[in-house]
Amino acid sequence: MAPKLRILLLLVVIPVWLPADQGHDHGPAIGEVGSVSFPVSCSPAAQKVFSRSVAMLHSFWYEEAARSFSSVADADPTCAMAWWGVAMSYYHPLWEPPTADALQKGVSAIRKSKALEAKTERERAYIAALGAFYEADPSLDYLSRNRTYSQAMERVYRSNPQDSEAAVFYALSLVASASPTDKTYANQRQAGAILEKILTTQPDHPGVAHYILHSYDNPVLASQGLEAARRYARIAPAVPHALHMPSHIFVRVGLWDDAANSNLAAVKAGKKYERDVNMDAAWDQRLHPTDYLVYSLLQGGQDEDAAALVKEVSQISKIQPDNLTGSYVLAVVPARYAMERRSWAEAAALVPRPSAFPYTEAVTYWAKAMGYAHTGDFVAARQSLNKVQAIRDQLRQSRQDYWADQTEVLVREDSAWLAHAQTKHGDNEDQTIALMRSAADLESSMAKHPITPGAVLPAAELLGDLLLELNRPAEALLAYETSLQSAPERFHSLAGAARAAELAGDGVRARRYYSKLLNNCAHSQTARSELSVARTYLAKK
């Protein structure tokens, strides 16, 4: 670990672990989770635990929220909202759809909630809104079900203007129901406006800070989330996800040390949680920040630290729960490490992990195809590309259009680079560029999924690499700068932009980008050639 990161990790405040809520003593002791006031018509003993349970829910600590809401039901068997809370714990609006088992548990809980006939109209409205999700037409896709819930929550929000919890949950539903291709970010802006207003009166509310980060987790709005990013981990220091979540904004604006330290703390807390509950697997909420950590370290040239994490991930054989979040990390971390370092032989040697989530395998085959293309094994490259194409078709047939489109980006990237490698400045140069440009255009038309800090290699960056190899530096510079607009401060986009500017005769921009690269890599542990090139260039000017 680089010296600066090691020191900062030691300064992370680990919370004092307080006595657990009564009723379910088989769970871990839980510390500070933030401040929430959610009045319900249940017993006073149940009320205290209920508000704390909602605080956990707002930080997506779903396992502990479900346990805690169950203890509310134990404390007051007539409390209908306790079962609403249990049902909410199985609904993860910003993550993947519920499994069949989780869906069944959620349906069972919401039915118990309805059967208890909540005492107030407000409570019945909350229960009905969640019921709209669980009881929606089974043929609806996940986004449509999220929108059904959001429409119902809007009615709760409009009918209860003094209920800040209705506003917070409605704001979350807006983010969850946003179109992944809406680059105006209309829903996210609306959610952010609602939440920013509440933040002024409830600065320690975990959901407000958390959902602001999700609202602004995009290239256009990210800088508006910095205040909430600085605040959230202090609000709920007991929650591993709260320690990680600020890095969604730090990554978006290229604050690599901040992002790394956020995730170092989250990984450490995640491992502690695994021990506390005797988990015999790697928790998905420990793996998720591991990917963000690897990504951040690689942007700062801290390759040795990243390599240690890659080795750790490679030894994991079981994840809990077995979901897209964890499966994605197991596939993408070794691919990131190879591809970010442009270690093509290493990329070609990657071993795909069988997964119930096809896109994760597509990432590995994509990296292998790129590795083979760059090392001259065109037959193997074509075989890997065929695998990516087959996965794209499988996703399309199963109506997973977002992931099918994401896989189509990979298909176009592999196809362009394989064509380039085979022809090397042949007659198809313009067609190859057009294909790579179409990959960049398709990628830019979609929002990134929250499970990832970003594409393993942005398509616009790969377009810049291609143009640079084709001796078209002015065009390459534009491509790299496009990449930097959506992914600021990336190592290779900075290095590429600097080199392209140098070759294009733009010394001002070359100096600026080389300087940024070296500044970001002040704690570098790598001998990457780009850093030597930068030092040499700046020394002679």
Protein backbone atom coordinates (compact mmCIF):
# COMPACT_ATOMS: atom_id res chain seq x y z
CA MET A 1 0.00 0.00 0.00
CA ALA A 2 1.29 3.45 -0.84
CA PRO A 3 2.43 5.48 2.18
CA LYS A 4 -0.28 8.12 1.95
CA LEU A 5 -3.10 5.59 1.72
CA ARG A 6 -1.68 3.54 4.59
CA ILE A 7 -1.61 6.59 6.85
CA LEU A 8 -5.11 7.69 5.91
CA LEU A 9 -6.49 4.23 6.57
CA LEU A 10 -5.15 4.34 10.10
CA LEU A 11 -6.99 7.60 10.59
CA VAL A 12 -10.37 6.13 9.63
CA VAL A 13 -12.62 6.31 12.68
CA ILE A 14 -13.97 2.87 13.47
CA PRO A 15 -17.24 3.31 15.38
CA VAL A 16 -17.80 2.15 18.92
CA TRP A 17 -20.06 -0.89 18.65
CA LEU A 18 -23.14 -0.32 20.77
CA PRO A 19 -25.62 -2.85 22.17
CA ALA A 20 -27.84 -4.34 19.51
CA ASP A 21 -31.55 -3.59 19.34
CA GLN A 22 -33.61 -5.87 21.52
CA GLY A 23 -35.46 -8.87 20.16
CA HIS A 24 -32.92 -10.50 17.82
CA ASP A 25 -29.71 -11.14 19.72
CA HIS A 26 -28.26 -13.37 16.97
CA GLY A 27 -27.26 -10.36 14.89
CA PRO A 28 -24.11 -8.28 15.21
CA ALA A 29 -23.88 -5.23 17.44
CA ILE A 30 -24.68 -2.15 15.37
CA GLY A 31 -23.19 1.30 15.90
CA GLU A 32 -24.17 4.70 14.52
CA VAL A 33 -26.50 4.55 11.52
CA GLY A 34 -27.76 8.13 11.35
CA SER A 35 -30.86 9.94 12.52
CA VAL A 36 -34.34 9.13 11.21
CA SER A 37 -37.77 10.02 12.61
CA PHE A 38 -40.52 7.89 11.08
CA PRO A 39 -43.57 7.94 13.40
CA VAL A 40 -45.88 4.94 13.17
CA SER A 41 -48.93 3.79 15.13
CA CYS A 42 -47.10 1.02 16.96
CA SER A 43 -46.02 0.59 20.57
CA PRO A 44 -43.40 2.99 21.99
CA ALA A 45 -40.88 0.15 22.24
CA ALA A 46 -41.49 -0.79 18.61
CA GLN A 47 -41.30 2.85 17.48
CA LYS A 48 -37.73 3.34 18.63
CA VAL A 49 -36.52 0.22 16.86
CA PHE A 50 -38.61 1.04 13.79
CA SER A 51 -36.94 4.41 13.14
CA ARG A 52 -33.51 2.82 13.57
CA SER A 53 -34.52 0.06 11.15
CA VAL A 54 -35.51 2.67 8.57
CA ALA A 55 -32.09 4.28 8.99
CA MET A 56 -30.45 0.96 8.08
CA LEU A 57 -32.80 0.61 5.13
CA HIS A 58 -31.80 4.06 3.87
CA SER A 59 -28.16 2.92 3.80
CA PHE A 60 -29.05 -0.27 1.91
CA TRP A 61 -27.95 -2.45 4.82
CA TYR A 62 -30.73 -4.76 3.79
CA GLU A 63 -29.66 -7.80 5.79
CA GLU A 64 -29.68 -5.91 9.08
CA ALA A 65 -32.77 -3.89 8.18
CA ALA A 66 -34.76 -7.10 7.65
CA ARG A 67 -33.50 -8.46 10.98
CA SER A 68 -34.33 -5.22 12.76
CA PHE A 69 -37.81 -4.85 11.25
CA SER A 70 -38.53 -8.43 12.32
CA SER A 71 -37.67 -7.41 15.87
CA VAL A 72 -40.23 -4.60 15.55
CA ALA A 73 -42.86 -7.22 14.71
CA ASP A 74 -41.74 -9.21 17.77
CA ALA A 75 -42.08 -6.12 19.97
CA ASP A 76 -45.55 -5.30 18.61
CA PRO A 77 -47.29 -8.09 16.67
CA THR A 78 -50.01 -5.63 15.60
CA CYS A 79 -47.56 -3.26 13.89
CA ALA A 80 -48.40 -3.46 10.18
CA MET A 81 -45.49 -1.19 9.26
CA ALA A 82 -43.02 -3.70 10.68
CA TRP A 83 -43.89 -6.05 7.83
CA TRP A 84 -43.79 -3.16 5.35
CA GLY A 85 -40.20 -2.70 6.49
CA VAL A 86 -39.39 -6.38 6.03
CA ALA A 87 -40.84 -6.21 2.51
CA MET A 88 -38.81 -3.07 1.77
CA SER A 89 -35.68 -4.97 2.80
CA TYR A 90 -36.19 -7.38 -0.10
CA TYR A 91 -36.71 -4.58 -2.63
CA HIS A 92 -33.39 -3.13 -3.81
CA PRO A 93 -34.47 -0.45 -6.30
CA LEU A 94 -31.02 0.64 -7.49
CA TRP A 95 -29.56 -2.84 -7.67
CA GLU A 96 -30.60 -5.94 -9.57
CA PRO A 97 -34.16 -7.34 -9.55
CA PRO A 98 -35.09 -9.57 -6.60
CA THR A 99 -34.41 -13.26 -6.92
CA ALA A 100 -37.39 -15.61 -6.93
CA ASP A 101 -36.74 -16.34 -3.25
CA ALA A 102 -36.47 -12.66 -2.31
CA LEU A 103 -39.58 -11.84 -4.31
CA GLN A 104 -41.53 -14.56 -2.52
CA LYS A 105 -40.37 -13.28 0.87
CA GLY A 106 -41.27 -9.72 -0.07
CA VAL A 107 -44.73 -10.72 -1.27
CA SER A 108 -45.31 -12.69 1.93
CA ALA A 109 -44.26 -9.73 4.08
CA ILE A 110 -46.41 -7.19 2.25
CA ARG A 111 -49.41 -9.50 2.54
CA LYS A 112 -48.85 -9.79 6.29
CA SER A 113 -48.63 -6.02 6.43
CA LYS A 114 -51.94 -5.61 4.61
CA ALA A 115 -53.64 -8.27 6.73
CA LEU A 116 -52.83 -6.34 9.91
CA GLU A 117 -54.78 -3.32 8.59
CA ALA A 118 -52.61 -0.34 9.50
CA LYS A 119 -54.28 2.17 11.76
CA THR A 120 -53.67 5.34 9.71
CA GLU A 121 -54.35 6.32 6.13
CA ARG A 122 -50.71 7.39 5.73
CA GLU A 123 -49.43 3.95 6.75
CA ARG A 124 -51.93 2.22 4.48
CA ALA A 125 -50.66 4.40 1.61
CA TYR A 126 -47.04 3.33 2.20
CA ILE A 127 -48.10 -0.32 2.26
CA ALA A 128 -50.23 0.04 -0.88
CA ALA A 129 -47.36 1.73 -2.73
CA LEU A 130 -44.97 -1.12 -2.01
CA GLY A 131 -47.73 -3.58 -2.82
CA ALA A 132 -47.91 -1.98 -6.27
CA PHE A 133 -44.35 -3.19 -6.87
CA TYR A 134 -44.76 -6.69 -5.47
CA GLU A 135 -48.17 -7.31 -6.99
CA ALA A 136 -47.43 -5.83 -10.42
CA ASP A 137 -47.95 -7.84 -13.59
CA PRO A 138 -45.21 -10.51 -13.55
CA SER A 139 -44.54 -9.86 -17.23
CA LEU A 140 -43.35 -6.31 -16.49
CA ASP A 141 -39.61 -5.71 -16.56
CA TYR A 142 -37.84 -4.36 -13.49
CA LEU A 143 -37.75 -0.74 -14.66
CA SER A 144 -41.50 -0.81 -15.31
CA ARG A 145 -42.15 -2.23 -11.84
CA ASN A 146 -39.94 0.49 -10.35
CA ARG A 147 -41.99 3.08 -12.21
CA THR A 148 -45.22 1.58 -10.91
CA TYR A 149 -43.88 1.92 -7.37
CA SER A 150 -42.64 5.46 -8.05
CA GLN A 151 -46.06 6.56 -9.27
CA ALA A 152 -47.62 5.17 -6.11
CA MET A 153 -45.00 6.84 -3.92
CA GLU A 154 -45.66 10.14 -5.66
CA ARG A 155 -49.24 9.92 -4.41
CA VAL A 156 -47.99 9.27 -0.87
CA TYR A 157 -45.62 12.22 -1.20
CA ARG A 158 -48.29 14.58 -2.54
CA SER A 159 -50.84 13.52 0.08
CA ASN A 160 -48.45 13.97 3.01
CA PRO A 161 -46.54 17.22 2.39
CA GLN A 162 -45.22 17.33 5.97
CA ASP A 163 -43.86 13.78 5.84
CA SER A 164 -40.18 14.05 4.99
CA GLU A 165 -39.84 10.25 4.84
CA ALA A 166 -42.38 10.14 2.01
CA ALA A 167 -40.29 12.74 0.20
CA VAL A 168 -37.06 10.79 0.73
CA PHE A 169 -38.51 7.48 -0.46
CA TYR A 170 -40.15 9.20 -3.42
CA ALA A 171 -36.83 10.78 -4.38
CA LEU A 172 -35.18 7.35 -4.33
CA SER A 173 -37.95 5.98 -6.52
CA LEU A 174 -37.31 8.73 -9.06
CA VAL A 175 -33.67 7.70 -9.37
CA ALA A 176 -34.63 4.03 -9.63
CA SER A 177 -37.18 4.72 -12.36
CA ALA A 178 -34.98 6.99 -14.48
CA SER A 179 -34.37 5.97 -18.06
CA PRO A 180 -30.76 4.81 -18.56
CA THR A 181 -30.68 6.71 -21.86
CA ASP A 182 -32.02 10.05 -20.55
CA LYS A 183 -28.95 12.28 -20.64
CA THR A 184 -30.92 15.28 -19.37
CA TYR A 185 -31.07 13.44 -16.02
CA ALA A 186 -34.55 14.80 -15.41
CA ASN A 187 -35.49 12.32 -12.68
CA GLN A 188 -32.14 12.68 -10.97
CA ARG A 189 -32.41 16.46 -10.95
CA GLN A 190 -35.92 16.28 -9.49
CA ALA A 191 -34.78 13.85 -6.82
CA GLY A 192 -31.77 16.00 -5.97
CA ALA A 193 -33.92 19.10 -5.57
CA ILE A 194 -36.23 17.30 -3.14
CA LEU A 195 -33.34 15.91 -1.11
CA GLU A 196 -31.25 19.09 -1.01
CA LYS A 197 -34.19 20.89 0.59
CA ILE A 198 -34.49 18.25 3.32
CA LEU A 199 -30.73 18.22 3.92
CA THR A 200 -30.89 21.75 5.33
CA THR A 201 -33.24 20.66 8.13
CA GLN A 202 -32.09 17.05 8.60
CA PRO A 203 -28.31 17.10 8.09
CA ASP A 204 -27.82 13.72 9.81
CA HIS A 205 -30.44 11.83 7.80
CA PRO A 206 -28.66 8.88 6.11
CA GLY A 207 -31.13 8.53 3.26
CA VAL A 208 -30.93 12.19 2.27
CA ALA A 209 -27.14 12.18 1.90
CA HIS A 210 -27.10 8.69 0.37
CA TYR A 211 -29.73 9.38 -2.28
CA ILE A 212 -28.16 12.71 -3.20
CA LEU A 213 -25.06 10.73 -4.12
CA HIS A 214 -27.09 8.40 -6.31
CA SER A 215 -28.96 11.33 -7.85
CA TYR A 216 -25.69 12.99 -8.83
CA ASP A 217 -23.78 9.85 -9.83
CA ASN A 218 -23.38 10.99 -13.43
CA PRO A 219 -20.87 13.12 -15.35
CA VAL A 220 -23.09 16.20 -15.48
CA LEU A 221 -24.15 16.52 -11.84
CA ALA A 222 -21.33 14.80 -9.94
CA SER A 223 -19.67 17.94 -8.60
CA GLN A 224 -22.94 18.88 -6.87
CA GLY A 225 -22.63 15.75 -4.74
CA LEU A 226 -19.31 16.56 -3.08
CA GLU A 227 -20.83 18.05 0.08
CA ALA A 228 -23.02 14.98 0.62
CA ALA A 229 -20.05 12.74 -0.18
CA ARG A 230 -17.99 14.39 2.56
CA ARG A 231 -20.91 14.07 4.99
CA TYR A 232 -22.39 10.60 4.47
CA ALA A 233 -19.69 8.39 5.99
CA ARG A 234 -19.76 10.56 9.14
CA ILE A 235 -23.55 10.20 9.38
CA ALA A 236 -23.58 6.39 9.32
CA PRO A 237 -20.05 5.17 10.16
CA ALA A 238 -21.32 1.75 11.27
CA VAL A 239 -22.60 0.91 7.79
CA PRO A 240 -20.08 -0.50 5.29
CA HIS A 241 -22.06 0.81 2.32
CA ALA A 242 -22.07 4.30 3.81
CA LEU A 243 -18.28 4.22 3.99
CA HIS A 244 -18.10 3.20 0.32
CA MET A 245 -20.81 5.34 -1.21
CA PRO A 246 -18.94 8.69 -1.24
CA SER A 247 -16.53 7.14 -3.71
CA HIS A 248 -19.26 7.13 -6.36
CA ILE A 249 -18.81 10.90 -6.46
CA PHE A 250 -15.05 10.90 -5.87
CA VAL A 251 -14.58 8.58 -8.86
CA ARG A 252 -16.83 10.74 -11.02
CA VAL A 253 -14.66 13.80 -10.42
CA GLY A 254 -11.30 12.00 -10.39
CA LEU A 255 -10.38 12.36 -6.70
CA TRP A 256 -8.45 9.09 -6.62
CA ASP A 257 -6.96 9.28 -3.12
CA ASP A 258 -10.34 10.14 -1.61
CA ALA A 259 -12.00 7.33 -3.55
CA ALA A 260 -9.34 4.83 -2.51
CA ASN A 261 -9.54 5.71 1.16
CA SER A 262 -13.33 5.59 1.13
CA ASN A 263 -13.18 2.06 -0.22
CA LEU A 264 -10.32 0.95 2.01
CA ALA A 265 -12.57 1.75 4.97
CA ALA A 266 -15.56 0.04 3.35
CA VAL A 267 -13.63 -3.14 2.56
CA LYS A 268 -12.30 -3.29 6.11
CA ALA A 269 -15.80 -2.82 7.53
CA GLY A 270 -17.19 -5.39 5.12
CA LYS A 271 -14.68 -8.00 6.27
CA LYS A 272 -15.57 -7.25 9.88
CA TYR A 273 -19.24 -7.78 9.11
CA GLU A 274 -18.44 -11.13 7.50
CA ARG A 275 -16.72 -12.17 10.74
CA ASP A 276 -19.48 -10.77 12.95
CA VAL A 277 -22.19 -12.85 11.28
CA ASN A 278 -19.98 -15.90 10.64
CA MET A 279 -20.40 -15.58 6.89
CA ASP A 280 -18.73 -18.42 5.02
CA ALA A 281 -18.46 -16.42 1.79
CA ALA A 282 -17.37 -13.05 0.47
CA TRP A 283 -20.11 -10.50 1.09
CA ASP A 284 -21.19 -8.67 -2.04
CA GLN A 285 -20.98 -5.38 -0.14
CA ARG A 286 -17.33 -6.07 0.58
CA LEU A 287 -16.63 -7.00 -3.03
CA HIS A 288 -18.35 -3.96 -4.53
CA PRO A 289 -15.98 -1.44 -2.88
CA THR A 290 -13.07 -3.72 -3.77
CA ASP A 291 -13.74 -3.06 -7.46
CA TYR A 292 -13.97 0.69 -6.85
CA LEU A 293 -10.73 0.48 -4.87
CA VAL A 294 -8.87 -1.37 -7.63
CA TYR A 295 -10.14 1.12 -10.19
CA SER A 296 -9.00 4.10 -8.10
CA LEU A 297 -5.58 2.64 -7.32
CA LEU A 298 -4.90 1.93 -10.99
CA GLN A 299 -5.69 5.53 -11.94
CA GLY A 300 -3.00 6.65 -9.50
CA GLY A 301 -0.46 4.13 -10.74
CA GLN A 302 -0.58 2.19 -7.47
CA ASP A 303 -0.29 -1.12 -9.27
CA GLU A 304 1.24 -3.12 -6.41
CA ASP A 305 -1.70 -2.40 -4.11
CA ALA A 306 -4.10 -3.22 -6.94
CA ALA A 307 -2.26 -6.49 -7.65
CA ALA A 308 -2.69 -7.61 -4.04
CA LEU A 309 -6.44 -7.09 -4.33
CA VAL A 310 -6.57 -8.93 -7.64
CA LYS A 311 -4.87 -11.91 -5.99
CA GLU A 312 -7.34 -11.78 -3.11
CA VAL A 313 -10.34 -11.69 -5.45
CA SER A 314 -8.97 -14.57 -7.52
CA GLN A 315 -9.07 -16.80 -4.44
CA ILE A 316 -12.77 -16.20 -3.76
CA SER A 317 -15.00 -19.12 -4.68
CA LYS A 318 -18.27 -18.18 -2.97
CA ILE A 319 -20.18 -14.92 -2.67
CA GLN A 320 -23.17 -13.96 -0.55
CA PRO A 321 -25.69 -13.25 -1.81
CA ASP A 322 -24.95 -14.86 -5.17
CA ASN A 323 -25.92 -11.88 -7.29
CA LEU A 324 -24.83 -9.64 -10.15
CA THR A 325 -22.93 -7.28 -7.85
CA GLY A 326 -20.56 -9.95 -6.56
CA SER A 327 -20.28 -11.86 -9.83
CA TYR A 328 -19.39 -8.67 -11.67
CA VAL A 329 -16.51 -7.96 -9.30
CA LEU A 330 -15.02 -11.45 -9.63
CA ALA A 331 -14.95 -11.06 -13.42
CA VAL A 332 -14.03 -7.42 -13.81
CA VAL A 333 -11.23 -6.95 -11.27
CA PRO A 334 -8.67 -9.17 -13.06
CA ALA A 335 -9.79 -7.75 -16.41
CA ARG A 336 -9.32 -4.20 -15.12
CA TYR A 337 -5.86 -4.95 -13.82
CA ALA A 338 -4.69 -6.37 -17.15
CA MET A 339 -6.41 -3.88 -19.44
CA GLU A 340 -5.59 -0.69 -17.52
CA ARG A 341 -1.91 -1.65 -17.69
CA ARG A 342 -2.26 -2.62 -21.37
CA SER A 343 -0.86 -6.03 -20.48
CA TRP A 344 -2.27 -7.79 -23.52
CA ALA A 345 -0.78 -11.22 -22.86
CA GLU A 346 -2.24 -11.12 -19.37
CA ALA A 347 -5.63 -10.16 -20.80
CA ALA A 348 -5.52 -13.02 -23.29
CA ALA A 349 -4.79 -15.46 -20.45
CA LEU A 350 -7.81 -14.49 -18.34
CA VAL A 351 -10.01 -17.42 -17.34
CA PRO A 352 -13.78 -16.84 -17.56
CA ARG A 353 -15.78 -17.65 -14.43
CA PRO A 354 -19.11 -19.40 -15.02
CA SER A 355 -21.88 -17.09 -13.88
CA ALA A 356 -25.66 -16.84 -13.78
CA PHE A 357 -25.18 -13.29 -15.05
CA PRO A 358 -24.01 -13.46 -18.69
CA TYR A 359 -22.62 -9.92 -18.92
CA THR A 360 -19.91 -10.74 -16.40
CA GLU A 361 -18.60 -13.51 -18.67
CA ALA A 362 -18.82 -11.17 -21.65
CA VAL A 363 -16.36 -8.80 -19.97
CA THR A 364 -13.79 -11.56 -19.64
CA TYR A 365 -14.18 -12.76 -23.23
CA TRP A 366 -14.01 -9.13 -24.43
CA ALA A 367 -10.70 -8.66 -22.61
CA LYS A 368 -9.38 -11.94 -24.01
CA ALA A 369 -10.31 -10.93 -27.56
CA MET A 370 -8.51 -7.60 -27.12
CA GLY A 371 -5.50 -9.37 -25.68
CA TYR A 372 -5.32 -11.88 -28.50
CA ALA A 373 -5.79 -9.18 -31.15
CA HIS A 374 -2.90 -7.16 -29.74
CA THR A 375 -0.61 -10.19 -29.49
CA GLY A 376 -1.36 -11.44 -32.99
CA ASP A 377 -3.43 -14.56 -32.29
CA PHE A 378 -6.30 -13.64 -34.58
CA VAL A 379 -7.97 -17.06 -34.52
CA ALA A 380 -8.23 -17.02 -30.72
CA ALA A 381 -9.37 -13.39 -30.85
CA ARG A 382 -12.20 -14.33 -33.21
CA GLN A 383 -13.21 -17.24 -30.97
CA SER A 384 -13.42 -14.95 -27.94
CA LEU A 385 -15.31 -12.34 -29.96
CA ASN A 386 -17.79 -15.03 -31.00
CA LYS A 387 -18.42 -15.72 -27.30
CA VAL A 388 -19.17 -12.04 -26.68
CA GLN A 389 -21.56 -11.96 -29.63
CA ALA A 390 -23.35 -15.08 -28.39
CA ILE A 391 -23.80 -13.53 -24.95
CA ARG A 392 -25.17 -10.35 -26.54
CA ASP A 393 -27.72 -12.41 -28.45
CA GLN A 394 -28.64 -14.35 -25.30
CA LEU A 395 -29.23 -11.12 -23.39
CA ARG A 396 -31.31 -9.70 -26.22
CA GLN A 397 -33.46 -12.81 -26.37
CA SER A 398 -34.08 -12.68 -22.62
CA ARG A 399 -35.16 -9.02 -22.91
CA GLN A 400 -32.23 -7.71 -20.89
CA ASP A 401 -31.86 -4.83 -23.31
CA TYR A 402 -29.60 -2.64 -21.18
CA TRP A 403 -27.04 -5.40 -20.74
CA ALA A 404 -27.44 -6.47 -24.36
CA ASP A 405 -26.55 -2.93 -25.43
CA GLN A 406 -23.61 -2.83 -23.03
CA THR A 407 -22.40 -6.09 -24.54
CA GLU A 408 -22.89 -4.68 -28.04
CA VAL A 409 -20.37 -1.98 -27.11
CA LEU A 410 -17.87 -4.74 -26.30
CA VAL A 411 -18.61 -6.50 -29.60
CA ARG A 412 -17.91 -3.34 -31.59
CA GLU A 413 -14.71 -2.61 -29.67
CA ASP A 414 -13.34 -6.11 -30.20
CA SER A 415 -14.40 -6.09 -33.86
CA ALA A 416 -12.71 -2.76 -34.53
CA TRP A 417 -9.44 -3.69 -32.86
CA LEU A 418 -9.32 -7.11 -34.45
CA ALA A 419 -9.86 -5.54 -37.87
CA HIS A 420 -7.15 -2.98 -37.14
CA ALA A 421 -4.69 -5.63 -35.96
CA GLN A 422 -5.28 -7.75 -39.04
CA THR A 423 -4.99 -4.96 -41.61
CA LYS A 424 -2.54 -2.50 -40.00
CA HIS A 425 -3.24 0.66 -41.97
CA GLY A 426 -4.99 -1.17 -44.78
CA ASP A 427 -7.86 -0.07 -46.96
CA ASN A 428 -10.41 -0.45 -44.17
CA GLU A 429 -8.97 2.26 -41.91
CA ASP A 430 -12.00 4.55 -42.13
CA GLN A 431 -14.44 1.67 -41.61
CA THR A 432 -12.49 0.52 -38.56
CA ILE A 433 -12.59 4.02 -37.09
CA ALA A 434 -16.30 4.28 -37.84
CA LEU A 435 -16.95 1.00 -36.03
CA MET A 436 -14.95 2.10 -32.99
CA ARG A 437 -16.67 5.48 -33.02
CA SER A 438 -20.07 3.75 -33.09
CA ALA A 439 -19.05 1.84 -29.95
CA ALA A 440 -18.20 5.12 -28.23
CA ASP A 441 -21.49 6.68 -29.33
CA LEU A 442 -23.50 3.71 -28.06
CA GLU A 443 -21.69 3.69 -24.73
CA SER A 444 -22.22 7.43 -24.25
CA SER A 445 -25.95 7.03 -24.90
CA MET A 446 -26.36 4.92 -21.74
CA ALA A 447 -25.90 5.62 -18.06
CA LYS A 448 -23.42 3.40 -16.27
CA HIS A 449 -24.86 0.90 -13.82
CA PRO A 450 -24.20 1.60 -10.11
CA ILE A 451 -22.38 -1.73 -9.72
CA THR A 452 -19.39 -0.36 -11.64
CA PRO A 453 -17.11 2.66 -11.20
CA GLY A 454 -16.90 2.77 -14.98
CA ALA A 455 -16.21 0.78 -18.10
CA VAL A 456 -13.06 -1.32 -17.88
CA LEU A 457 -11.77 0.86 -20.72
CA PRO A 458 -14.03 3.69 -21.93
CA ALA A 459 -14.91 3.35 -25.59
CA ALA A 460 -13.91 6.96 -26.27
CA GLU A 461 -10.48 6.23 -24.78
CA LEU A 462 -10.11 3.17 -27.00
CA LEU A 463 -11.11 5.31 -29.97
CA GLY A 464 -8.30 7.70 -29.05
CA ASP A 465 -5.85 4.80 -28.84
CA LEU A 466 -6.90 3.63 -32.30
CA LEU A 467 -6.60 7.09 -33.85
CA LEU A 468 -3.19 7.57 -32.25
CA GLU A 469 -1.97 4.27 -33.70
CA LEU A 470 -3.26 5.42 -37.09
CA ASN A 471 -1.20 8.63 -36.79
CA ARG A 472 -4.22 10.90 -36.52
CA PRO A 473 -3.23 12.78 -33.34
CA ALA A 474 -5.59 15.75 -33.68
CA GLU A 475 -8.58 13.42 -33.91
CA ALA A 476 -7.17 11.27 -31.12
CA LEU A 477 -6.90 14.31 -28.87
CA LEU A 478 -10.59 15.05 -29.35
CA ALA A 479 -11.47 11.45 -28.49
CA TYR A 480 -9.38 11.47 -25.32
CA GLU A 481 -10.88 14.78 -24.24
CA THR A 482 -14.35 13.33 -24.81
CA SER A 483 -13.38 10.45 -22.54
CA LEU A 484 -12.14 12.88 -19.90
CA GLN A 485 -15.45 14.72 -19.92
CA SER A 486 -17.30 11.64 -18.71
CA ALA A 487 -14.42 10.05 -16.76
CA PRO A 488 -12.17 12.88 -15.51
CA GLU A 489 -8.54 12.28 -14.58
CA ARG A 490 -8.29 8.73 -15.94
CA PHE A 491 -4.65 7.63 -16.26
CA HIS A 492 -4.75 6.54 -19.89
CA SER A 493 -7.03 9.30 -21.11
CA LEU A 494 -4.62 11.85 -19.63
CA ALA A 495 -1.57 10.05 -21.02
CA GLY A 496 -3.21 9.64 -24.41
CA ALA A 497 -4.39 13.24 -24.56
CA ALA A 498 -0.91 14.47 -23.64
CA ARG A 499 0.79 12.34 -26.28
CA ALA A 500 -1.78 13.26 -28.93
CA ALA A 501 -1.39 16.95 -28.13
CA GLU A 502 2.39 16.61 -28.31
CA LEU A 503 2.22 14.96 -31.73
CA ALA A 504 -0.33 17.51 -32.93
CA GLY A 505 2.00 20.34 -31.95
CA ASP A 506 -0.15 21.64 -29.10
CA GLY A 507 2.47 22.13 -26.40
CA VAL A 508 0.13 23.91 -23.99
CA ARG A 509 -2.29 21.02 -23.77
CA ALA A 510 0.50 18.45 -23.79
CA ARG A 511 2.11 20.10 -20.78
CA ARG A 512 -1.23 20.41 -18.99
CA TYR A 513 -2.15 16.75 -19.43
CA TYR A 514 1.33 15.41 -18.63
CA SER A 515 1.38 17.54 -15.47
CA LYS A 516 -2.02 16.25 -14.38
CA LEU A 517 -0.90 12.68 -14.96
CA LEU A 518 2.20 13.06 -12.80
CA ASN A 519 0.26 14.89 -10.10
CA ASN A 520 -2.29 12.07 -9.91
CA CYS A 521 0.52 9.53 -9.70
CA ALA A 522 2.49 11.17 -6.89
CA HIS A 523 2.35 7.89 -4.94
CA SER A 524 2.84 5.66 -7.96
CA GLN A 525 4.28 2.17 -7.54
CA THR A 526 4.55 1.49 -11.25
CA ALA A 527 7.14 1.74 -13.98
CA ARG A 528 4.49 2.40 -16.61
CA SER A 529 6.15 3.97 -19.62
CA GLU A 530 3.62 6.80 -19.77
CA LEU A 531 5.06 8.30 -16.58
CA SER A 532 8.60 8.24 -17.95
CA VAL A 533 7.40 9.90 -21.14
CA ALA A 534 5.65 12.59 -19.10
CA ARG A 535 8.71 13.32 -16.98
CA THR A 536 10.97 13.49 -20.02
CA TYR A 537 8.64 15.85 -21.86
CA LEU A 538 8.19 18.23 -18.91
CA ALA A 539 11.94 18.23 -18.16
CA LYS A 540 12.90 19.49 -21.61
CA LYS A 541 10.42 22.35 -21.81
